[in-house]
């Protein structure tokens, strides 16, 4: 019974050995020089221009939450599309209601200016 998992166990062992070997090799062989520019925080190779502790606008979080909401909507559409034939009219009406509720929410946010980046 367990012999069918032997290939997975071997692959896991090899992957773990490679990962651990790379960490050990960079620790032993890597340069250990330290200087002021190297110890400063940076982003994308550039020095910081503004403070990292500044506050984000609430609109940033609103757009992020809306993205997650509509991403979840897309996740619910895929299984529905696969089972569309089996669900019949009931499934179609339920999905139309689901999309209408989300559409009304989107229109409300759009009208209120929640999607504007000003």
PDB file of N, CA and C in Angstrom:
ATOM      1  N   UNK A   1       0.828  -1.208   0.000  1.00  0.00           N
ATOM      2  CA  UNK A   1       0.000   0.000   0.000  1.00  0.00           C
ATOM      3  C   UNK A   1       0.859   1.254   0.000  1.00  0.00           C
ATOM      4  N   UNK A   2       1.850   1.312   0.868  1.00  0.00           N
ATOM      5  CA  UNK A   2       2.677   2.511   0.948  1.00  0.00           C
ATOM      6  C   UNK A   2       3.718   2.595  -0.166  1.00  0.00           C
ATOM      7  N   UNK A   3       3.961   1.487  -0.871  1.00  0.00           N
ATOM      8  CA  UNK A   3       4.962   1.528  -1.932  1.00  0.00           C
ATOM      9  C   UNK A   3       4.542   2.416  -3.092  1.00  0.00           C
ATOM     10  N   UNK A   4       3.257   2.696  -3.226  1.00  0.00           N
ATOM     11  CA  UNK A   4       2.820   3.588  -4.295  1.00  0.00           C
ATOM     12  C   UNK A   4       3.212   5.041  -4.018  1.00  0.00           C
ATOM     13  N   UNK A   5       3.542   5.367  -2.770  1.00  0.00           N
ATOM     14  CA  UNK A   5       3.983   6.717  -2.402  1.00  0.00           C
ATOM     15  C   UNK A   5       5.504   6.835  -2.360  1.00  0.00           C
ATOM     16  N   UNK A   6       6.206   5.797  -2.752  1.00  0.00           N
ATOM     17  CA  UNK A   6       7.669   5.806  -2.706  1.00  0.00           C
ATOM     18  C   UNK A   6       8.244   6.884  -3.622  1.00  0.00           C
ATOM     19  N   UNK A   7       7.694   7.045  -4.802  1.00  0.00           N
ATOM     20  CA  UNK A   7       8.182   8.072  -5.731  1.00  0.00           C
ATOM     21  C   UNK A   7       8.018   9.474  -5.169  1.00  0.00           C
ATOM     22  N   UNK A   8       6.884   9.725  -4.528  1.00  0.00           N
ATOM     23  CA  UNK A   8       6.643  11.037  -3.927  1.00  0.00           C
ATOM     24  C   UNK A   8       7.622  11.277  -2.785  1.00  0.00           C
ATOM     25  N   UNK A   9       7.876  10.238  -1.981  1.00  0.00           N
ATOM     26  CA  UNK A   9       8.811  10.373  -0.862  1.00  0.00           C
ATOM     27  C   UNK A   9      10.227  10.647  -1.355  1.00  0.00           C
ATOM     28  N   UNK A  10      10.626   9.974  -2.418  1.00  0.00           N
ATOM     29  CA  UNK A  10      11.960  10.204  -2.979  1.00  0.00           C
ATOM     30  C   UNK A  10      12.064  11.618  -3.535  1.00  0.00           C
ATOM     31  N   UNK A  11      11.058  12.059  -4.259  1.00  0.00           N
ATOM     32  CA  UNK A  11      11.052  13.419  -4.804  1.00  0.00           C
ATOM     33  C   UNK A  11      11.095  14.461  -3.690  1.00  0.00           C
ATOM     34  N   UNK A  12      10.343  14.248  -2.618  1.00  0.00           N
ATOM     35  CA  UNK A  12      10.343  15.153  -1.482  1.00  0.00           C
ATOM     36  C   UNK A  12      11.712  15.191  -0.812  1.00  0.00           C
ATOM     37  N   UNK A  13      12.350  14.038  -0.678  1.00  0.00           N
ATOM     38  CA  UNK A  13      13.682  13.977  -0.074  1.00  0.00           C
ATOM     39  C   UNK A  13      14.709  14.710  -0.934  1.00  0.00           C
ATOM     40  N   UNK A  14      14.650  14.520  -2.232  1.00  0.00           N
ATOM     41  CA  UNK A  14      15.602  15.196  -3.134  1.00  0.00           C
ATOM     42  C   UNK A  14      15.381  16.707  -3.097  1.00  0.00           C
ATOM     43  N   UNK A  15      14.124  17.148  -3.153  1.00  0.00           N
ATOM     44  CA  UNK A  15      13.836  18.581  -3.110  1.00  0.00           C
ATOM     45  C   UNK A  15      14.285  19.196  -1.793  1.00  0.00           C
ATOM     46  N   UNK A  16      14.067  18.501  -0.687  1.00  0.00           N
ATOM     47  CA  UNK A  16      14.508  19.006   0.616  1.00  0.00           C
ATOM     48  C   UNK A  16      16.024  19.083   0.688  1.00  0.00           C
ATOM     49  N   UNK A  17      16.700  18.059   0.172  1.00  0.00           N
ATOM     50  CA  UNK A  17      18.167  18.057   0.188  1.00  0.00           C
ATOM     51  C   UNK A  17      18.727  19.207  -0.645  1.00  0.00           C
ATOM     52  N   UNK A  18      18.134  19.468  -1.789  1.00  0.00           N
ATOM     53  CA  UNK A  18      18.595  20.577  -2.629  1.00  0.00           C
ATOM     54  C   UNK A  18      18.371  21.913  -1.923  1.00  0.00           C
ATOM     55  N   UNK A  19      17.194  22.106  -1.323  1.00  0.00           N
ATOM     56  CA  UNK A  19      16.913  23.364  -0.633  1.00  0.00           C
ATOM     57  C   UNK A  19      17.856  23.575   0.542  1.00  0.00           C
ATOM     58  N   UNK A  20      18.028  22.565   1.353  1.00  0.00           N
ATOM     59  CA  UNK A  20      18.940  22.680   2.501  1.00  0.00           C
ATOM     60  C   UNK A  20      20.373  22.876   2.028  1.00  0.00           C
ATOM     61  N   UNK A  21      20.766  22.180   0.972  1.00  0.00           N
ATOM     62  CA  UNK A  21      22.120  22.331   0.426  1.00  0.00           C
ATOM     63  C   UNK A  21      22.387  23.738  -0.072  1.00  0.00           C
ATOM     64  N   UNK A  22      21.412  24.361  -0.713  1.00  0.00           N
ATOM     65  CA  UNK A  22      21.598  25.725  -1.194  1.00  0.00           C
ATOM     66  C   UNK A  22      21.727  26.713  -0.048  1.00  0.00           C
ATOM     67  N   UNK A  23      20.913  26.542   0.988  1.00  0.00           N
ATOM     68  CA  UNK A  23      21.010  27.432   2.146  1.00  0.00           C
ATOM     69  C   UNK A  23      22.371  27.285   2.820  1.00  0.00           C
ATOM     70  N   UNK A  24      22.828  26.051   3.008  1.00  0.00           N
ATOM     71  CA  UNK A  24      24.130  25.817   3.646  1.00  0.00           C
ATOM     72  C   UNK A  24      25.256  26.356   2.766  1.00  0.00           C
ATOM     73  N   UNK A  25      25.183  26.144   1.452  1.00  0.00           N
ATOM     74  CA  UNK A  25      26.234  26.608   0.550  1.00  0.00           C
ATOM     75  C   UNK A  25      26.337  28.125   0.543  1.00  0.00           C
ATOM     76  N   UNK A  26      25.214  28.836   0.512  1.00  0.00           N
ATOM     77  CA  UNK A  26      25.294  30.295   0.512  1.00  0.00           C
ATOM     78  C   UNK A  26      25.776  30.824   1.859  1.00  0.00           C
ATOM     79  N   UNK A  27      25.456  30.113   2.934  1.00  0.00           N
ATOM     80  CA  UNK A  27      25.936  30.539   4.250  1.00  0.00           C
ATOM     81  C   UNK A  27      27.444  30.355   4.363  1.00  0.00           C
ATOM     82  N   UNK A  28      27.962  29.257   3.857  1.00  0.00           N
ATOM     83  CA  UNK A  28      29.392  28.979   3.971  1.00  0.00           C
ATOM     84  C   UNK A  28      30.231  29.707   2.926  1.00  0.00           C
ATOM     85  N   UNK A  29      29.741  29.801   1.700  1.00  0.00           N
ATOM     86  CA  UNK A  29      30.539  30.332   0.597  1.00  0.00           C
ATOM     87  C   UNK A  29      30.254  31.793   0.269  1.00  0.00           C
ATOM     88  N   UNK A  30      29.145  32.333   0.725  1.00  0.00           N
ATOM     89  CA  UNK A  30      28.757  33.687   0.363  1.00  0.00           C
ATOM     90  C   UNK A  30      29.618  34.746   1.020  1.00  0.00           C
ATOM     91  N   UNK A  31      29.694  35.950   0.410  1.00  0.00           N
ATOM     92  CA  UNK A  31      30.481  37.035   1.000  1.00  0.00           C
ATOM     93  C   UNK A  31      29.835  37.530   2.289  1.00  0.00           C
ATOM     94  N   UNK A  32      30.671  37.965   3.200  1.00  0.00           N
ATOM     95  CA  UNK A  32      30.183  38.401   4.501  1.00  0.00           C
ATOM     96  C   UNK A  32      30.569  39.841   4.807  1.00  0.00           C
ATOM     97  N   UNK A  33      30.816  40.635   3.770  1.00  0.00           N
ATOM     98  CA  UNK A  33      31.162  42.038   3.985  1.00  0.00           C
ATOM     99  C   UNK A  33      29.922  42.835   4.327  1.00  0.00           C
ATOM    100  N   UNK A  34      30.066  43.783   5.224  1.00  0.00           N
ATOM    101  CA  UNK A  34      28.953  44.629   5.621  1.00  0.00           C
ATOM    102  C   UNK A  34      29.401  46.088   5.536  1.00  0.00           C
ATOM    103  N   UNK A  35      28.563  46.931   4.967  1.00  0.00           N
ATOM    104  CA  UNK A  35      28.856  48.356   4.885  1.00  0.00           C
ATOM    105  C   UNK A  35      27.548  49.125   5.000  1.00  0.00           C
ATOM    106  N   UNK A  36      27.635  50.431   5.160  1.00  0.00           N
ATOM    107  CA  UNK A  36      26.477  51.256   5.502  1.00  0.00           C
ATOM    108  C   UNK A  36      25.366  51.176   4.460  1.00  0.00           C
ATOM    109  N   UNK A  37      25.702  51.248   3.174  1.00  0.00           N
ATOM    110  CA  UNK A  37      24.673  51.210   2.130  1.00  0.00           C
ATOM    111  C   UNK A  37      23.958  49.862   2.104  1.00  0.00           C
ATOM    112  N   UNK A  38      24.678  48.807   2.413  1.00  0.00           N
ATOM    113  CA  UNK A  38      24.079  47.475   2.396  1.00  0.00           C
ATOM    114  C   UNK A  38      23.104  47.291   3.558  1.00  0.00           C
ATOM    115  N   UNK A  39      23.352  47.931   4.674  1.00  0.00           N
ATOM    116  CA  UNK A  39      22.508  47.772   5.853  1.00  0.00           C
ATOM    117  C   UNK A  39      21.260  48.651   5.834  1.00  0.00           C
ATOM    118  N   UNK A  40      21.169  49.603   4.908  1.00  0.00           N
ATOM    119  CA  UNK A  40      19.987  50.459   4.819  1.00  0.00           C
ATOM    120  C   UNK A  40      18.858  49.735   4.090  1.00  0.00           C
ATOM    121  N   UNK A  41      17.602  49.992   4.497  1.00  0.00           N
ATOM    122  CA  UNK A  41      16.476  49.374   3.783  1.00  0.00           C
ATOM    123  C   UNK A  41      16.314  49.997   2.395  1.00  0.00           C
ATOM    124  N   UNK A  42      15.904  49.190   1.436  1.00  0.00           N
ATOM    125  CA  UNK A  42      15.667  49.691   0.089  1.00  0.00           C
ATOM    126  C   UNK A  42      14.500  48.935  -0.523  1.00  0.00           C
ATOM    127  N   UNK A  43      13.955  49.525  -1.576  1.00  0.00           N
ATOM    128  CA  UNK A  43      12.850  48.891  -2.272  1.00  0.00           C
ATOM    129  C   UNK A  43      13.154  48.916  -3.760  1.00  0.00           C
ATOM    130  N   UNK A  44      13.200  47.771  -4.357  1.00  0.00           N
ATOM    131  CA  UNK A  44      13.459  47.626  -5.792  1.00  0.00           C
ATOM    132  C   UNK A  44      14.790  48.265  -6.188  1.00  0.00           C
ATOM    133  N   UNK A  45      15.772  48.217  -5.322  1.00  0.00           N
ATOM    134  CA  UNK A  45      17.086  48.745  -5.645  1.00  0.00           C
ATOM    135  C   UNK A  45      17.214  50.239  -5.511  1.00  0.00           C
ATOM    136  N   UNK A  46      16.193  50.918  -5.059  1.00  0.00           N
ATOM    137  CA  UNK A  46      16.208  52.365  -4.906  1.00  0.00           C
ATOM    138  C   UNK A  46      16.190  52.737  -3.427  1.00  0.00           C
ATOM    139  N   UNK A  47      16.827  53.837  -3.095  1.00  0.00           N
ATOM    140  CA  UNK A  47      16.770  54.322  -1.725  1.00  0.00           C
ATOM    141  C   UNK A  47      15.369  54.837  -1.417  1.00  0.00           C
ATOM    142  N   UNK A  48      15.005  54.829  -0.143  1.00  0.00           N
ATOM    143  CA  UNK A  48      13.672  55.272   0.238  1.00  0.00           C
ATOM    144  C   UNK A  48      13.503  56.761  -0.001  1.00  0.00           C
ATOM    145  N   UNK A  49      12.342  57.129  -0.505  1.00  0.00           N
ATOM    146  CA  UNK A  49      12.024  58.529  -0.741  1.00  0.00           C
ATOM    147  C   UNK A  49      11.107  59.048   0.360  1.00  0.00           C
ATOM    148  N   UNK A  50      10.136  58.235   0.744  1.00  0.00           N
ATOM    149  CA  UNK A  50       9.183  58.628   1.785  1.00  0.00           C
ATOM    150  C   UNK A  50       9.269  57.643   2.944  1.00  0.00           C
ATOM    151  N   UNK A  51       8.663  58.007   4.038  1.00  0.00           N
ATOM    152  CA  UNK A  51       8.689  57.166   5.231  1.00  0.00           C
ATOM    153  C   UNK A  51       7.879  55.890   5.012  1.00  0.00           C
ATOM    154  N   UNK A  52       8.372  54.758   5.486  1.00  0.00           N
ATOM    155  CA  UNK A  52       7.594  53.523   5.346  1.00  0.00           C
ATOM    156  C   UNK A  52       6.414  53.459   6.310  1.00  0.00           C
ATOM    157  N   UNK A  53       6.330  54.413   7.235  1.00  0.00           N
ATOM    158  CA  UNK A  53       5.265  54.399   8.229  1.00  0.00           C
ATOM    159  C   UNK A  53       4.103  55.316   7.863  1.00  0.00           C
ATOM    160  N   UNK A  54       4.091  55.843   6.640  1.00  0.00           N
ATOM    161  CA  UNK A  54       2.993  56.715   6.241  1.00  0.00           C
ATOM    162  C   UNK A  54       1.706  55.904   6.099  1.00  0.00           C
ATOM    163  N   UNK A  55       0.594  56.567   6.240  1.00  0.00           N
ATOM    164  CA  UNK A  55      -0.708  55.900   6.186  1.00  0.00           C
ATOM    165  C   UNK A  55      -1.211  55.849   4.753  1.00  0.00           C
ATOM    166  N   UNK A  56      -1.836  54.716   4.413  1.00  0.00           N
ATOM    167  CA  UNK A  56      -2.449  54.572   3.106  1.00  0.00           C
ATOM    168  C   UNK A  56      -3.851  55.182   3.125  1.00  0.00           C
ATOM    169  N   UNK A  57      -4.303  55.598   1.966  1.00  0.00           N
ATOM    170  CA  UNK A  57      -5.652  56.118   1.833  1.00  0.00           C
ATOM    171  C   UNK A  57      -6.657  54.977   2.032  1.00  0.00           C
ATOM    172  N   UNK A  58      -7.813  55.311   2.555  1.00  0.00           N
ATOM    173  CA  UNK A  58      -8.864  54.312   2.765  1.00  0.00           C
ATOM    174  C   UNK A  58      -9.329  53.746   1.428  1.00  0.00           C
ATOM    175  N   UNK A  59      -9.252  54.544   0.370  1.00  0.00           N
ATOM    176  CA  UNK A  59      -9.672  54.073  -0.947  1.00  0.00           C
ATOM    177  C   UNK A  59      -8.810  52.895  -1.429  1.00  0.00           C
ATOM    178  N   UNK A  60      -7.544  52.872  -1.017  1.00  0.00           N
ATOM    179  CA  UNK A  60      -6.690  51.737  -1.370  1.00  0.00           C
ATOM    180  C   UNK A  60      -7.280  50.454  -0.804  1.00  0.00           C
ATOM    181  N   UNK A  61      -7.681  50.482   0.453  1.00  0.00           N
ATOM    182  CA  UNK A  61      -8.247  49.297   1.083  1.00  0.00           C
ATOM    183  C   UNK A  61      -9.609  48.950   0.486  1.00  0.00           C
ATOM    184  N   UNK A  62     -10.393  49.950   0.140  1.00  0.00           N
ATOM    185  CA  UNK A  62     -11.696  49.706  -0.473  1.00  0.00           C
ATOM    186  C   UNK A  62     -11.539  48.990  -1.806  1.00  0.00           C
ATOM    187  N   UNK A  63     -10.616  49.450  -2.623  1.00  0.00           N
ATOM    188  CA  UNK A  63     -10.392  48.807  -3.918  1.00  0.00           C
ATOM    189  C   UNK A  63      -9.863  47.391  -3.717  1.00  0.00           C
ATOM    190  N   UNK A  64      -9.007  47.189  -2.710  1.00  0.00           N
ATOM    191  CA  UNK A  64      -8.485  45.846  -2.433  1.00  0.00           C
ATOM    192  C   UNK A  64      -9.604  44.899  -2.015  1.00  0.00           C
ATOM    193  N   UNK A  65     -10.497  45.357  -1.156  1.00  0.00           N
ATOM    194  CA  UNK A  65     -11.614  44.517  -0.718  1.00  0.00           C
ATOM    195  C   UNK A  65     -12.556  44.235  -1.878  1.00  0.00           C
ATOM    196  N   UNK A  66     -12.808  45.227  -2.724  1.00  0.00           N
ATOM    197  CA  UNK A  66     -13.670  45.011  -3.888  1.00  0.00           C
ATOM    198  C   UNK A  66     -13.042  44.019  -4.862  1.00  0.00           C
ATOM    199  N   UNK A  67     -11.730  44.093  -5.029  1.00  0.00           N
ATOM    200  CA  UNK A  67     -11.050  43.132  -5.896  1.00  0.00           C
ATOM    201  C   UNK A  67     -11.238  41.716  -5.362  1.00  0.00           C
ATOM    202  N   UNK A  68     -11.077  41.549  -4.052  1.00  0.00           N
ATOM    203  CA  UNK A  68     -11.257  40.220  -3.460  1.00  0.00           C
ATOM    204  C   UNK A  68     -12.695  39.754  -3.644  1.00  0.00           C
ATOM    205  N   UNK A  69     -13.651  40.651  -3.436  1.00  0.00           N
ATOM    206  CA  UNK A  69     -15.063  40.303  -3.587  1.00  0.00           C
ATOM    207  C   UNK A  69     -15.362  39.799  -4.994  1.00  0.00           C
ATOM    208  N   UNK A  70     -14.910  40.522  -6.006  1.00  0.00           N
ATOM    209  CA  UNK A  70     -15.216  40.120  -7.380  1.00  0.00           C
ATOM    210  C   UNK A  70     -14.338  38.971  -7.855  1.00  0.00           C
ATOM    211  N   UNK A  71     -13.206  38.764  -7.216  1.00  0.00           N
ATOM    212  CA  UNK A  71     -12.404  37.586  -7.488  1.00  0.00           C
ATOM    213  C   UNK A  71     -13.125  36.344  -6.980  1.00  0.00           C
ATOM    214  N   UNK A  72     -13.730  36.453  -5.804  1.00  0.00           N
ATOM    215  CA  UNK A  72     -14.508  35.341  -5.260  1.00  0.00           C
ATOM    216  C   UNK A  72     -15.730  35.077  -6.138  1.00  0.00           C
ATOM    217  N   UNK A  73     -16.292  36.125  -6.696  1.00  0.00           N
ATOM    218  CA  UNK A  73     -17.410  35.938  -7.627  1.00  0.00           C
ATOM    219  C   UNK A  73     -16.983  35.073  -8.801  1.00  0.00           C
ATOM    220  N   UNK A  74     -15.813  35.358  -9.346  1.00  0.00           N
ATOM    221  CA  UNK A  74     -15.316  34.560 -10.475  1.00  0.00           C
ATOM    222  C   UNK A  74     -15.072  33.114 -10.052  1.00  0.00           C
ATOM    223  N   UNK A  75     -14.622  32.913  -8.820  1.00  0.00           N
ATOM    224  CA  UNK A  75     -14.388  31.563  -8.325  1.00  0.00           C
ATOM    225  C   UNK A  75     -15.712  30.791  -8.238  1.00  0.00           C
ATOM    226  N   UNK A  76     -16.799  31.458  -7.888  1.00  0.00           N
ATOM    227  CA  UNK A  76     -18.101  30.795  -7.827  1.00  0.00           C
ATOM    228  C   UNK A  76     -18.680  30.547  -9.222  1.00  0.00           C
ATOM    229  N   UNK A  77     -18.268  31.318 -10.214  1.00  0.00           N
ATOM    230  CA  UNK A  77     -18.806  31.128 -11.559  1.00  0.00           C
ATOM    231  C   UNK A  77     -18.276  29.864 -12.233  1.00  0.00           C
ATOM    232  N   UNK A  78     -17.045  29.484 -11.955  1.00  0.00           N
ATOM    233  CA  UNK A  78     -16.470  28.318 -12.631  1.00  0.00           C
ATOM    234  C   UNK A  78     -17.175  27.008 -12.269  1.00  0.00           C
ATOM    235  N   UNK A  79     -17.382  26.686 -10.984  1.00  0.00           N
ATOM    236  CA  UNK A  79     -18.106  25.440 -10.695  1.00  0.00           C
ATOM    237  C   UNK A  79     -19.555  25.472 -11.186  1.00  0.00           C
ATOM    238  N   UNK A  80     -20.156  26.651 -11.148  1.00  0.00           N
ATOM    239  CA  UNK A  80     -21.517  26.764 -11.649  1.00  0.00           C
ATOM    240  C   UNK A  80     -21.558  26.447 -13.138  1.00  0.00           C
ATOM    241  N   UNK A  81     -20.574  26.945 -13.883  1.00  0.00           N
ATOM    242  CA  UNK A  81     -20.540  26.693 -15.327  1.00  0.00           C
ATOM    243  C   UNK A  81     -20.335  25.211 -15.621  1.00  0.00           C
ATOM    244  N   UNK A  82     -19.549  24.543 -14.779  1.00  0.00           N
ATOM    245  CA  UNK A  82     -19.315  23.114 -14.994  1.00  0.00           C
ATOM    246  C   UNK A  82     -20.594  22.312 -14.738  1.00  0.00           C
ATOM    247  N   UNK A  83     -21.359  22.690 -13.728  1.00  0.00           N
ATOM    248  CA  UNK A  83     -22.576  21.966 -13.357  1.00  0.00           C
ATOM    249  C   UNK A  83     -23.845  22.580 -13.940  1.00  0.00           C
ATOM    250  N   UNK A  84     -23.713  23.457 -14.907  1.00  0.00           N
ATOM    251  CA  UNK A  84     -24.861  24.188 -15.443  1.00  0.00           C
ATOM    252  C   UNK A  84     -25.956  23.254 -15.956  1.00  0.00           C
ATOM    253  N   UNK A  85     -25.588  22.229 -16.699  1.00  0.00           N
ATOM    254  CA  UNK A  85     -26.582  21.302 -17.266  1.00  0.00           C
ATOM    255  C   UNK A  85     -27.352  20.577 -16.172  1.00  0.00           C
ATOM    256  N   UNK A  86     -26.646  20.175 -15.115  1.00  0.00           N
ATOM    257  CA  UNK A  86     -27.274  19.416 -14.044  1.00  0.00           C
ATOM    258  C   UNK A  86     -28.153  20.296 -13.143  1.00  0.00           C
ATOM    259  N   UNK A  87     -27.797  21.580 -13.003  1.00  0.00           N
ATOM    260  CA  UNK A  87     -28.555  22.459 -12.116  1.00  0.00           C
ATOM    261  C   UNK A  87     -29.869  22.929 -12.738  1.00  0.00           C
ATOM    262  N   UNK A  88     -29.887  23.054 -14.030  1.00  0.00           N
ATOM    263  CA  UNK A  88     -31.120  23.432 -14.726  1.00  0.00           C
ATOM    264  C   UNK A  88     -31.538  24.870 -14.447  1.00  0.00           C
ATOM    265  N   UNK A  89     -32.867  25.082 -14.497  1.00  0.00           N
ATOM    266  CA  UNK A  89     -33.406  26.432 -14.323  1.00  0.00           C
ATOM    267  C   UNK A  89     -33.154  26.976 -12.927  1.00  0.00           C
ATOM    268  N   UNK A  90     -33.209  26.130 -11.918  1.00  0.00           N
ATOM    269  CA  UNK A  90     -32.964  26.581 -10.546  1.00  0.00           C
ATOM    270  C   UNK A  90     -31.567  27.186 -10.420  1.00  0.00           C
ATOM    271  N   UNK A  91     -30.568  26.510 -10.978  1.00  0.00           N
ATOM    272  CA  UNK A  91     -29.194  27.018 -10.932  1.00  0.00           C
ATOM    273  C   UNK A  91     -29.037  28.318 -11.694  1.00  0.00           C
ATOM    274  N   UNK A  92     -29.728  28.427 -12.829  1.00  0.00           N
ATOM    275  CA  UNK A  92     -29.655  29.652 -13.624  1.00  0.00           C
ATOM    276  C   UNK A  92     -30.261  30.830 -12.857  1.00  0.00           C
ATOM    277  N   UNK A  93     -31.409  30.628 -12.256  1.00  0.00           N
ATOM    278  CA  UNK A  93     -32.059  31.714 -11.510  1.00  0.00           C
ATOM    279  C   UNK A  93     -31.225  32.113 -10.290  1.00  0.00           C
ATOM    280  N   UNK A  94     -30.677  31.132  -9.603  1.00  0.00           N
ATOM    281  CA  UNK A  94     -29.831  31.438  -8.437  1.00  0.00           C
ATOM    282  C   UNK A  94     -28.595  32.236  -8.844  1.00  0.00           C
ATOM    283  N   UNK A  95     -27.981  31.880  -9.961  1.00  0.00           N
ATOM    284  CA  UNK A  95     -26.780  32.601 -10.405  1.00  0.00           C
ATOM    285  C   UNK A  95     -27.139  34.003 -10.873  1.00  0.00           C
ATOM    286  N   UNK A  96     -28.284  34.158 -11.512  1.00  0.00           N
ATOM    287  CA  UNK A  96     -28.710  35.496 -11.924  1.00  0.00           C
ATOM    288  C   UNK A  96     -28.938  36.372 -10.693  1.00  0.00           C
ATOM    289  N   UNK A  97     -29.570  35.827  -9.651  1.00  0.00           N
ATOM    290  CA  UNK A  97     -29.755  36.575  -8.404  1.00  0.00           C
ATOM    291  C   UNK A  97     -28.410  36.947  -7.777  1.00  0.00           C
ATOM    292  N   UNK A  98     -27.490  36.000  -7.762  1.00  0.00           N
ATOM    293  CA  UNK A  98     -26.156  36.242  -7.207  1.00  0.00           C
ATOM    294  C   UNK A  98     -25.458  37.376  -7.957  1.00  0.00           C
ATOM    295  N   UNK A  99     -25.500  37.320  -9.277  1.00  0.00           N
ATOM    296  CA  UNK A  99     -24.849  38.352 -10.084  1.00  0.00           C
ATOM    297  C   UNK A  99     -25.555  39.697  -9.963  1.00  0.00           C
ATOM    298  N   UNK A 100     -26.889  39.691  -9.827  1.00  0.00           N
ATOM    299  CA  UNK A 100     -27.620  40.946  -9.645  1.00  0.00           C
ATOM    300  C   UNK A 100     -27.252  41.616  -8.321  1.00  0.00           C
ATOM    301  N   UNK A 101     -27.154  40.840  -7.257  1.00  0.00           N
ATOM    302  CA  UNK A 101     -26.783  41.409  -5.960  1.00  0.00           C
ATOM    303  C   UNK A 101     -25.380  42.013  -6.029  1.00  0.00           C
ATOM    304  N   UNK A 102     -24.443  41.290  -6.622  1.00  0.00           N
ATOM    305  CA  UNK A 102     -23.093  41.835  -6.750  1.00  0.00           C
ATOM    306  C   UNK A 102     -23.054  43.028  -7.701  1.00  0.00           C
ATOM    307  N   UNK A 103     -23.864  42.990  -8.749  1.00  0.00           N
ATOM    308  CA  UNK A 103     -23.919  44.115  -9.678  1.00  0.00           C
ATOM    309  C   UNK A 103     -24.472  45.370  -9.027  1.00  0.00           C
ATOM    310  N   UNK A 104     -25.484  45.213  -8.188  1.00  0.00           N
ATOM    311  CA  UNK A 104     -26.038  46.367  -7.473  1.00  0.00           C
ATOM    312  C   UNK A 104     -24.974  46.943  -6.533  1.00  0.00           C
ATOM    313  N   UNK A 105     -24.238  46.080  -5.861  1.00  0.00           N
ATOM    314  CA  UNK A 105     -23.151  46.553  -4.989  1.00  0.00           C
ATOM    315  C   UNK A 105     -22.080  47.289  -5.770  1.00  0.00           C
ATOM    316  N   UNK A 106     -21.727  46.773  -6.944  1.00  0.00           N
ATOM    317  CA  UNK A 106     -20.734  47.435  -7.779  1.00  0.00           C
ATOM    318  C   UNK A 106     -21.236  48.796  -8.258  1.00  0.00           C
ATOM    319  N   UNK A 107     -22.484  48.867  -8.671  1.00  0.00           N
ATOM    320  CA  UNK A 107     -23.038  50.146  -9.119  1.00  0.00           C
ATOM    321  C   UNK A 107     -23.062  51.162  -7.982  1.00  0.00           C
ATOM    322  N   UNK A 108     -23.387  50.713  -6.770  1.00  0.00           N
ATOM    323  CA  UNK A 108     -23.401  51.611  -5.617  1.00  0.00           C
ATOM    324  C   UNK A 108     -22.016  52.190  -5.366  1.00  0.00           C
ATOM    325  N   UNK A 109     -21.003  51.331  -5.384  1.00  0.00           N
ATOM    326  CA  UNK A 109     -19.632  51.802  -5.148  1.00  0.00           C
ATOM    327  C   UNK A 109     -19.185  52.717  -6.277  1.00  0.00           C
ATOM    328  N   UNK A 110     -19.552  52.372  -7.507  1.00  0.00           N
ATOM    329  CA  UNK A 110     -19.162  53.179  -8.660  1.00  0.00           C
ATOM    330  C   UNK A 110     -19.802  54.566  -8.592  1.00  0.00           C
ATOM    331  N   UNK A 111     -21.091  54.612  -8.270  1.00  0.00           N
ATOM    332  CA  UNK A 111     -21.781  55.902  -8.181  1.00  0.00           C
ATOM    333  C   UNK A 111     -21.227  56.746  -7.047  1.00  0.00           C
ATOM    334  N   UNK A 112     -20.895  56.128  -5.934  1.00  0.00           N
ATOM    335  CA  UNK A 112     -20.346  56.847  -4.778  1.00  0.00           C
ATOM    336  C   UNK A 112     -18.894  57.290  -4.993  1.00  0.00           C
ATOM    337  N   UNK A 113     -18.250  56.862  -6.091  1.00  0.00           N
ATOM    338  CA  UNK A 113     -16.891  57.272  -6.408  1.00  0.00           C
ATOM    339  C   UNK A 113     -15.833  56.451  -5.704  1.00  0.00           C
ATOM    340  N   UNK A 114     -16.191  55.257  -5.283  1.00  0.00           N
ATOM    341  CA  UNK A 114     -15.234  54.401  -4.579  1.00  0.00           C
ATOM    342  C   UNK A 114     -14.140  53.836  -5.455  1.00  0.00           C
ATOM    343  N   UNK A 115     -14.315  53.888  -6.750  1.00  0.00           N
ATOM    344  CA  UNK A 115     -13.315  53.344  -7.675  1.00  0.00           C
ATOM    345  C   UNK A 115     -12.409  54.422  -8.269  1.00  0.00           C
ATOM    346  N   UNK A 116     -12.606  55.670  -7.900  1.00  0.00           N
ATOM    347  CA  UNK A 116     -11.774  56.765  -8.405  1.00  0.00           C
ATOM    348  C   UNK A 116     -10.491  56.859  -7.592  1.00  0.00           C
ATOM    349  N   UNK A 117      -9.357  57.064  -8.260  1.00  0.00           N
ATOM    350  CA  UNK A 117      -8.055  57.142  -7.592  1.00  0.00           C
ATOM    351  C   UNK A 117      -7.595  58.575  -7.407  1.00  0.00           C
ATOM    352  N   UNK A 118      -8.457  59.462  -7.053  1.00  0.00           N
ATOM    353  CA  UNK A 118      -8.061  60.870  -6.884  1.00  0.00           C
ATOM    354  C   UNK A 118      -7.724  61.192  -5.466  1.00  0.00           C
TER     355      UNK A 118
END
